């Protein structure tokens, strides 16, 4: 998920799953389509279903209705929003839309996802005649299967712990006790198992923590390729606000805390610095 804050510049590209656009397009189609008498009965229930579905997504992800939200393939509801979008998409642009989504989908089974997941959702959820869109989608699936995308396997970058293992385990335990992580071993697993974990408090704390771990005579962690340490770190932590996925968020936040506006972040330093000092002292 990509999130744009209200009032901030945010680029939305063609054929993306733009949440607000999907909702507005669906309601527009429902308002203007010439349904027969039987289908008119389901227009309001369909609107109610969509309203509840979108509101629940905003609420569960703690999003503001003024946020610009782009749904990406790693989202748990990507398949669902793809189905909703296609159910009301301009029929003449469906092929272009699916081509774009196929390009950004990280695996080689996008055609199957559309055929056996998205298509079925469209049929189950929306009880009006959508045969034109259905036909165009399945034609696309048939053609796409004839021309599979051959993706190069990307090597996933990892974080490597450079300090003593005992320090990492003590740090992981302290972060858990302070309610930064859900489980005691979560922070440890990021470095030892390359397992992403949830950061449960404000992301600014994580940014400063990562800075302090690097700001040692010998940095305590690094990216396995020796560069882009904070960029790689952003891929291993996720949190409710979605800030960590923004480009350069960690580096920019560290600059704010340490140089640009340090007076605004005293509360963060007062909580993180003692934790670092204690685990490094061996206590």
Foldseek 3Di string as FASTA:
>chain_A
DDKADPPDDDDDDPLFLWPVVLLVLLLVCLVPDDFPPVQVVCSVVLNVVSVVVSVVVCVVLVHDPRMTDTDAQVDPCPLVSVLSSLLRDDLVCPLVSLVVNCVRNPDQCSLVSCVPPSLVSNVVSRPGDSPSSSVSSVVSSVVCVVPTDDDDDDDQKAKAFDDDLQLQLLLLQVCVVVVQFPDSCLSVCCHVVVAAGEGEDDCLLVLVLQVVQCPDPHRGMAIPVRDPRLVSVLVRYDYSVRQSPDPCSSVVSNCCCPPVPVVVCPVSCVPNVVSSVVSVVVD
